[in-house]
Amino acid sequence: MSDQANEPEDSGLSDTEVPDDLSSLEDTPPAQAENPSAPEPEAEVDEPLTVEDLVVTLEATAAERDQYLDSLRRVQAEFENYKKAVAKRSVDERERANDKIVTELLPVLDACEGAVKNGSEDVVPVQNQLLAALERHGLEKSDPAEQPFDPEQHEAVMHEPSDDVDQPTVAEVLRTGYLWKGRTLRPAMVRVKG
């Protein structure tokens, strides 16, 4: 073996020589410590946006905004329609409830009317008070005597021929009919002539 094989290689520095700036070697990343003249790694740099890119982005954003606005308007219109439908349904339900109550009171009015026809004058104030209360809320008496017969408002239970009239006419009201807010609640029971 030769003497050269046991000797360490010469690093160019003597044992006593130390670089002047050791702190720079400690703070530098390993790649720069090994090769201080190597360039720094480049950070990823976004390419600058062009006007065309900005216009395309703006148009896409405006289209998306318009879609959301249209969707909002549709939802708002549907909600308004829903509110109207619920309000109408509520009014209809109240009307049906009122119709039912008034329909159930009609036999009481009939009984009062029958009592008055049979000479019981004590019932007249009760009949008038009940009728006035119901009329304030929309009840109307139907008195079709001597008027043309209307099958939608009158219920014919008797018919007699007559040459006095040219069209069927109500000759007598056998049971009073009532209208509730302009609609026929109960048709008048009548005798028709003609």
C-alpha atoms as a PDB file:
ATOM      1  CA  MET A   1       0.000   0.000   0.000  1.00  0.00           C
ATOM      2  CA  SER A   2       1.164   3.393  -0.723  1.00  0.00           C
ATOM      3  CA  ASP A   3       1.387   6.294   1.685  1.00  0.00           C
ATOM      4  CA  GLN A   4      -1.007   8.331  -0.394  1.00  0.00           C
ATOM      5  CA  ALA A   5      -3.906   6.020   0.211  1.00  0.00           C
ATOM      6  CA  ASN A   6      -3.906   6.797   3.953  1.00  0.00           C
ATOM      7  CA  GLU A   7      -3.637  10.566   3.565  1.00  0.00           C
ATOM      8  CA  PRO A   8      -6.794  12.657   3.477  1.00  0.00           C
ATOM      9  CA  GLU A   9      -7.470  14.569   0.335  1.00  0.00           C
ATOM     10  CA  ASP A  10      -6.539  18.229   0.320  1.00  0.00           C
ATOM     11  CA  SER A  11      -9.690  20.381   0.526  1.00  0.00           C
ATOM     12  CA  GLY A  12      -7.853  23.551  -0.339  1.00  0.00           C
ATOM     13  CA  LEU A  13      -8.152  24.894   3.197  1.00  0.00           C
ATOM     14  CA  SER A  14      -5.655  24.428   5.870  1.00  0.00           C
ATOM     15  CA  ASP A  15      -6.720  23.222   9.273  1.00  0.00           C
ATOM     16  CA  THR A  16      -6.505  26.706  10.690  1.00  0.00           C
ATOM     17  CA  GLU A  17      -8.261  28.541   7.867  1.00  0.00           C
ATOM     18  CA  VAL A  18     -11.972  29.251   8.425  1.00  0.00           C
ATOM     19  CA  PRO A  19     -14.212  31.096   5.995  1.00  0.00           C
ATOM     20  CA  ASP A  20     -14.852  34.713   6.944  1.00  0.00           C
ATOM     21  CA  ASP A  21     -18.635  34.505   6.895  1.00  0.00           C
ATOM     22  CA  LEU A  22     -19.779  31.316   8.607  1.00  0.00           C
ATOM     23  CA  SER A  23     -23.215  32.715   9.441  1.00  0.00           C
ATOM     24  CA  SER A  24     -24.023  32.968   5.762  1.00  0.00           C
ATOM     25  CA  LEU A  25     -23.311  29.295   5.333  1.00  0.00           C
ATOM     26  CA  GLU A  26     -25.540  28.367   8.265  1.00  0.00           C
ATOM     27  CA  ASP A  27     -28.532  30.465   7.060  1.00  0.00           C
ATOM     28  CA  THR A  28     -28.349  29.530   3.399  1.00  0.00           C
ATOM     29  CA  PRO A  29     -30.276  26.609   2.101  1.00  0.00           C
ATOM     30  CA  PRO A  30     -28.175  23.567   1.319  1.00  0.00           C
ATOM     31  CA  ALA A  31     -28.315  24.094  -2.442  1.00  0.00           C
ATOM     32  CA  GLN A  32     -26.918  27.606  -2.115  1.00  0.00           C
ATOM     33  CA  ALA A  33     -24.378  26.547   0.488  1.00  0.00           C
ATOM     34  CA  GLU A  34     -22.923  24.109  -1.950  1.00  0.00           C
ATOM     35  CA  ASN A  35     -23.103  26.471  -4.908  1.00  0.00           C
ATOM     36  CA  PRO A  36     -23.539  30.129  -3.930  1.00  0.00           C
ATOM     37  CA  SER A  37     -23.648  31.253  -7.529  1.00  0.00           C
ATOM     38  CA  ALA A  38     -26.695  29.024  -8.368  1.00  0.00           C
ATOM     39  CA  PRO A  39     -29.872  31.019  -9.134  1.00  0.00           C
ATOM     40  CA  GLU A  40     -32.790  30.955  -6.635  1.00  0.00           C
ATOM     41  CA  PRO A  41     -35.644  28.600  -7.559  1.00  0.00           C
ATOM     42  CA  GLU A  42     -38.390  30.506  -9.351  1.00  0.00           C
ATOM     43  CA  ALA A  43     -41.747  30.895  -7.585  1.00  0.00           C
ATOM     44  CA  GLU A  44     -44.770  30.054  -9.683  1.00  0.00           C
ATOM     45  CA  VAL A  45     -45.913  33.285 -11.242  1.00  0.00           C
ATOM     46  CA  ASP A  46     -49.453  33.587 -12.657  1.00  0.00           C
ATOM     47  CA  GLU A  47     -49.594  34.924 -16.109  1.00  0.00           C
ATOM     48  CA  PRO A  48     -51.176  38.371 -16.174  1.00  0.00           C
ATOM     49  CA  LEU A  49     -54.897  38.402 -17.103  1.00  0.00           C
ATOM     50  CA  THR A  50     -55.798  39.928 -20.386  1.00  0.00           C
ATOM     51  CA  VAL A  51     -58.777  42.183 -21.011  1.00  0.00           C
ATOM     52  CA  GLU A  52     -60.435  39.381 -22.954  1.00  0.00           C
ATOM     53  CA  ASP A  53     -60.068  37.039 -19.976  1.00  0.00           C
ATOM     54  CA  LEU A  54     -61.604  39.648 -17.675  1.00  0.00           C
ATOM     55  CA  VAL A  55     -64.496  40.241 -20.095  1.00  0.00           C
ATOM     56  CA  VAL A  56     -65.186  36.481 -20.330  1.00  0.00           C
ATOM     57  CA  THR A  57     -65.109  36.181 -16.529  1.00  0.00           C
ATOM     58  CA  LEU A  58     -67.394  39.196 -16.144  1.00  0.00           C
ATOM     59  CA  GLU A  59     -69.871  37.800 -18.693  1.00  0.00           C
ATOM     60  CA  ALA A  60     -69.899  34.395 -16.956  1.00  0.00           C
ATOM     61  CA  THR A  61     -70.479  36.055 -13.579  1.00  0.00           C
ATOM     62  CA  ALA A  62     -73.263  38.239 -15.011  1.00  0.00           C
ATOM     63  CA  ALA A  63     -74.933  35.168 -16.559  1.00  0.00           C
ATOM     64  CA  GLU A  64     -74.734  33.319 -13.242  1.00  0.00           C
ATOM     65  CA  ARG A  65     -76.154  36.366 -11.447  1.00  0.00           C
ATOM     66  CA  ASP A  66     -79.030  36.533 -13.938  1.00  0.00           C
ATOM     67  CA  GLN A  67     -79.785  32.834 -13.385  1.00  0.00           C
ATOM     68  CA  TYR A  68     -79.896  33.346  -9.615  1.00  0.00           C
ATOM     69  CA  LEU A  69     -82.063  36.445 -10.048  1.00  0.00           C
ATOM     70  CA  ASP A  70     -84.503  34.591 -12.328  1.00  0.00           C
ATOM     71  CA  SER A  71     -84.620  31.711  -9.875  1.00  0.00           C
ATOM     72  CA  LEU A  72     -85.288  34.115  -7.005  1.00  0.00           C
ATOM     73  CA  ARG A  73     -88.067  35.825  -8.950  1.00  0.00           C
ATOM     74  CA  ARG A  74     -89.697  32.469  -9.737  1.00  0.00           C
ATOM     75  CA  VAL A  75     -89.528  31.394  -6.102  1.00  0.00           C
ATOM     76  CA  GLN A  76     -90.907  34.746  -4.995  1.00  0.00           C
ATOM     77  CA  ALA A  77     -93.783  34.533  -7.515  1.00  0.00           C
ATOM     78  CA  GLU A  78     -94.553  30.964  -6.421  1.00  0.00           C
ATOM     79  CA  PHE A  79     -94.564  32.091  -2.782  1.00  0.00           C
ATOM     80  CA  GLU A  80     -96.920  35.000  -3.569  1.00  0.00           C
ATOM     81  CA  ASN A  81     -99.243  32.605  -5.433  1.00  0.00           C
ATOM     82  CA  TYR A  82     -99.078  30.210  -2.494  1.00  0.00           C
ATOM     83  CA  LYS A  83     -99.977  32.994  -0.053  1.00  0.00           C
ATOM     84  CA  LYS A  84    -102.931  34.038  -2.237  1.00  0.00           C
ATOM     85  CA  ALA A  85    -104.123  30.433  -2.517  1.00  0.00           C
ATOM     86  CA  VAL A  86    -103.884  29.934   1.255  1.00  0.00           C
ATOM     87  CA  ALA A  87    -105.754  33.196   1.903  1.00  0.00           C
ATOM     88  CA  LYS A  88    -108.465  32.235  -0.616  1.00  0.00           C
ATOM     89  CA  ARG A  89    -108.741  28.753   0.876  1.00  0.00           C
ATOM     90  CA  SER A  90    -109.063  30.276   4.339  1.00  0.00           C
ATOM     91  CA  VAL A  91    -111.854  32.605   3.173  1.00  0.00           C
ATOM     92  CA  ASP A  92    -113.614  29.705   1.419  1.00  0.00           C
ATOM     93  CA  GLU A  93    -113.414  27.571   4.556  1.00  0.00           C
ATOM     94  CA  ARG A  94    -114.873  30.399   6.653  1.00  0.00           C
ATOM     95  CA  GLU A  95    -117.664  30.846   4.112  1.00  0.00           C
ATOM     96  CA  ARG A  96    -118.460  27.126   4.165  1.00  0.00           C
ATOM     97  CA  ALA A  97    -118.509  27.185   7.969  1.00  0.00           C
ATOM     98  CA  ASN A  98    -120.846  30.202   7.902  1.00  0.00           C
ATOM     99  CA  ASP A  99    -123.033  28.495   5.282  1.00  0.00           C
ATOM    100  CA  LYS A 100    -123.322  25.464   7.535  1.00  0.00           C
ATOM    101  CA  ILE A 101    -124.267  27.509  10.601  1.00  0.00           C
ATOM    102  CA  VAL A 102    -126.848  29.536   8.712  1.00  0.00           C
ATOM    103  CA  THR A 103    -128.263  26.384   7.083  1.00  0.00           C
ATOM    104  CA  GLU A 104    -128.692  24.868  10.545  1.00  0.00           C
ATOM    105  CA  LEU A 105    -130.536  28.009  11.708  1.00  0.00           C
ATOM    106  CA  LEU A 106    -133.026  27.965   8.810  1.00  0.00           C
ATOM    107  CA  PRO A 107    -135.343  25.430  10.524  1.00  0.00           C
ATOM    108  CA  VAL A 108    -135.508  27.813  13.508  1.00  0.00           C
ATOM    109  CA  LEU A 109    -136.589  30.615  11.170  1.00  0.00           C
ATOM    110  CA  ASP A 110    -139.134  28.250   9.585  1.00  0.00           C
ATOM    111  CA  ALA A 111    -140.504  27.347  13.013  1.00  0.00           C
ATOM    112  CA  CYS A 112    -140.798  31.036  13.929  1.00  0.00           C
ATOM    113  CA  GLU A 113    -142.550  31.761  10.625  1.00  0.00           C
ATOM    114  CA  GLY A 114    -144.954  28.841  11.152  1.00  0.00           C
ATOM    115  CA  ALA A 115    -145.728  29.986  14.679  1.00  0.00           C
ATOM    116  CA  VAL A 116    -146.512  33.521  13.449  1.00  0.00           C
ATOM    117  CA  LYS A 117    -148.801  32.130  10.685  1.00  0.00           C
ATOM    118  CA  ASN A 118    -150.657  30.149  13.348  1.00  0.00           C
ATOM    119  CA  GLY A 119    -151.269  33.265  15.431  1.00  0.00           C
ATOM    120  CA  SER A 120    -148.446  33.179  18.004  1.00  0.00           C
ATOM    121  CA  GLU A 121    -147.413  36.841  18.109  1.00  0.00           C
ATOM    122  CA  ASP A 122    -145.004  36.268  21.016  1.00  0.00           C
ATOM    123  CA  VAL A 123    -142.480  34.744  18.561  1.00  0.00           C
ATOM    124  CA  VAL A 124    -142.330  37.832  16.308  1.00  0.00           C
ATOM    125  CA  PRO A 125    -139.621  39.716  18.301  1.00  0.00           C
ATOM    126  CA  VAL A 126    -137.368  36.629  18.396  1.00  0.00           C
ATOM    127  CA  GLN A 127    -137.917  35.991  14.689  1.00  0.00           C
ATOM    128  CA  ASN A 128    -137.167  39.614  13.787  1.00  0.00           C
ATOM    129  CA  GLN A 129    -134.059  39.734  15.966  1.00  0.00           C
ATOM    130  CA  LEU A 130    -132.657  36.485  14.557  1.00  0.00           C
ATOM    131  CA  LEU A 131    -133.441  37.496  10.988  1.00  0.00           C
ATOM    132  CA  ALA A 132    -131.890  40.971  11.484  1.00  0.00           C
ATOM    133  CA  ALA A 133    -128.688  39.452  12.912  1.00  0.00           C
ATOM    134  CA  LEU A 134    -128.342  37.064   9.976  1.00  0.00           C
ATOM    135  CA  GLU A 135    -129.189  39.762   7.424  1.00  0.00           C
ATOM    136  CA  ARG A 136    -126.346  41.928   8.748  1.00  0.00           C
ATOM    137  CA  HIS A 137    -123.970  39.135   7.759  1.00  0.00           C
ATOM    138  CA  GLY A 138    -125.415  38.467   4.302  1.00  0.00           C
ATOM    139  CA  LEU A 139    -128.685  36.535   4.571  1.00  0.00           C
ATOM    140  CA  GLU A 140    -131.511  37.614   2.240  1.00  0.00           C
ATOM    141  CA  LYS A 141    -135.090  36.387   2.158  1.00  0.00           C
ATOM    142  CA  SER A 142    -136.323  35.178  -1.207  1.00  0.00           C
ATOM    143  CA  ASP A 143    -139.973  36.120  -1.806  1.00  0.00           C
ATOM    144  CA  PRO A 144    -140.646  35.251  -5.446  1.00  0.00           C
ATOM    145  CA  ALA A 145    -144.471  35.573  -5.371  1.00  0.00           C
ATOM    146  CA  GLU A 146    -145.862  36.594  -8.786  1.00  0.00           C
ATOM    147  CA  GLN A 147    -142.364  36.503 -10.343  1.00  0.00           C
ATOM    148  CA  PRO A 148    -141.268  34.281 -13.223  1.00  0.00           C
ATOM    149  CA  PHE A 149    -140.263  30.789 -12.132  1.00  0.00           C
ATOM    150  CA  ASP A 150    -136.479  30.287 -11.907  1.00  0.00           C
ATOM    151  CA  PRO A 151    -135.441  26.656 -11.300  1.00  0.00           C
ATOM    152  CA  GLU A 152    -132.123  27.800  -9.802  1.00  0.00           C
ATOM    153  CA  GLN A 153    -133.842  29.830  -7.078  1.00  0.00           C
ATOM    154  CA  HIS A 154    -137.207  28.084  -6.750  1.00  0.00           C
ATOM    155  CA  GLU A 155    -138.253  24.538  -6.032  1.00  0.00           C
ATOM    156  CA  ALA A 156    -141.599  23.774  -7.665  1.00  0.00           C
ATOM    157  CA  VAL A 157    -143.634  21.277  -5.646  1.00  0.00           C
ATOM    158  CA  MET A 158    -146.989  21.950  -7.296  1.00  0.00           C
ATOM    159  CA  HIS A 159    -147.957  23.042 -10.772  1.00  0.00           C
ATOM    160  CA  GLU A 160    -151.319  24.220 -12.049  1.00  0.00           C
ATOM    161  CA  PRO A 161    -152.150  25.154 -15.605  1.00  0.00           C
ATOM    162  CA  SER A 162    -153.262  28.726 -16.224  1.00  0.00           C
ATOM    163  CA  ASP A 163    -154.143  30.818 -19.251  1.00  0.00           C
ATOM    164  CA  ASP A 164    -153.578  34.071 -17.318  1.00  0.00           C
ATOM    165  CA  VAL A 165    -149.762  33.996 -17.751  1.00  0.00           C
ATOM    166  CA  ASP A 166    -147.601  33.402 -20.811  1.00  0.00           C
ATOM    167  CA  GLN A 167    -144.705  31.826 -18.872  1.00  0.00           C
ATOM    168  CA  PRO A 168    -144.498  29.756 -15.669  1.00  0.00           C
ATOM    169  CA  THR A 169    -144.955  32.093 -12.700  1.00  0.00           C
ATOM    170  CA  VAL A 170    -144.744  31.585  -8.949  1.00  0.00           C
ATOM    171  CA  ALA A 171    -148.327  31.553  -7.656  1.00  0.00           C
ATOM    172  CA  GLU A 172    -147.606  30.918  -3.962  1.00  0.00           C
ATOM    173  CA  VAL A 173    -144.548  30.563  -1.697  1.00  0.00           C
ATOM    174  CA  LEU A 174    -144.963  27.464   0.476  1.00  0.00           C
ATOM    175  CA  ARG A 175    -141.608  27.752   2.227  1.00  0.00           C
ATOM    176  CA  THR A 176    -139.373  30.824   2.253  1.00  0.00           C
ATOM    177  CA  GLY A 177    -136.124  30.596   0.329  1.00  0.00           C
ATOM    178  CA  TYR A 178    -132.902  32.273   1.407  1.00  0.00           C
ATOM    179  CA  LEU A 179    -129.849  33.693  -0.304  1.00  0.00           C
ATOM    180  CA  TRP A 180    -126.495  33.899   1.456  1.00  0.00           C
ATOM    181  CA  LYS A 181    -124.252  36.655   0.112  1.00  0.00           C
ATOM    182  CA  GLY A 182    -126.001  36.536  -3.262  1.00  0.00           C
ATOM    183  CA  ARG A 183    -125.913  32.726  -3.625  1.00  0.00           C
ATOM    184  CA  THR A 184    -128.967  30.533  -3.216  1.00  0.00           C
ATOM    185  CA  LEU A 185    -128.651  28.903   0.187  1.00  0.00           C
ATOM    186  CA  ARG A 186    -132.043  27.242   0.075  1.00  0.00           C
ATOM    187  CA  PRO A 187    -134.483  27.556  -2.858  1.00  0.00           C
ATOM    188  CA  ALA A 188    -137.989  28.753  -2.106  1.00  0.00           C
ATOM    189  CA  MET A 189    -140.572  25.999  -2.205  1.00  0.00           C
ATOM    190  CA  VAL A 190    -143.319  27.241  -4.522  1.00  0.00           C
ATOM    191  CA  ARG A 191    -146.536  26.487  -6.363  1.00  0.00           C
ATOM    192  CA  VAL A 192    -146.236  27.368 -10.037  1.00  0.00           C
ATOM    193  CA  LYS A 193    -148.987  28.348 -12.456  1.00  0.00           C
ATOM    194  CA  GLY A 194    -148.826  28.456 -16.195  1.00  0.00           C
END
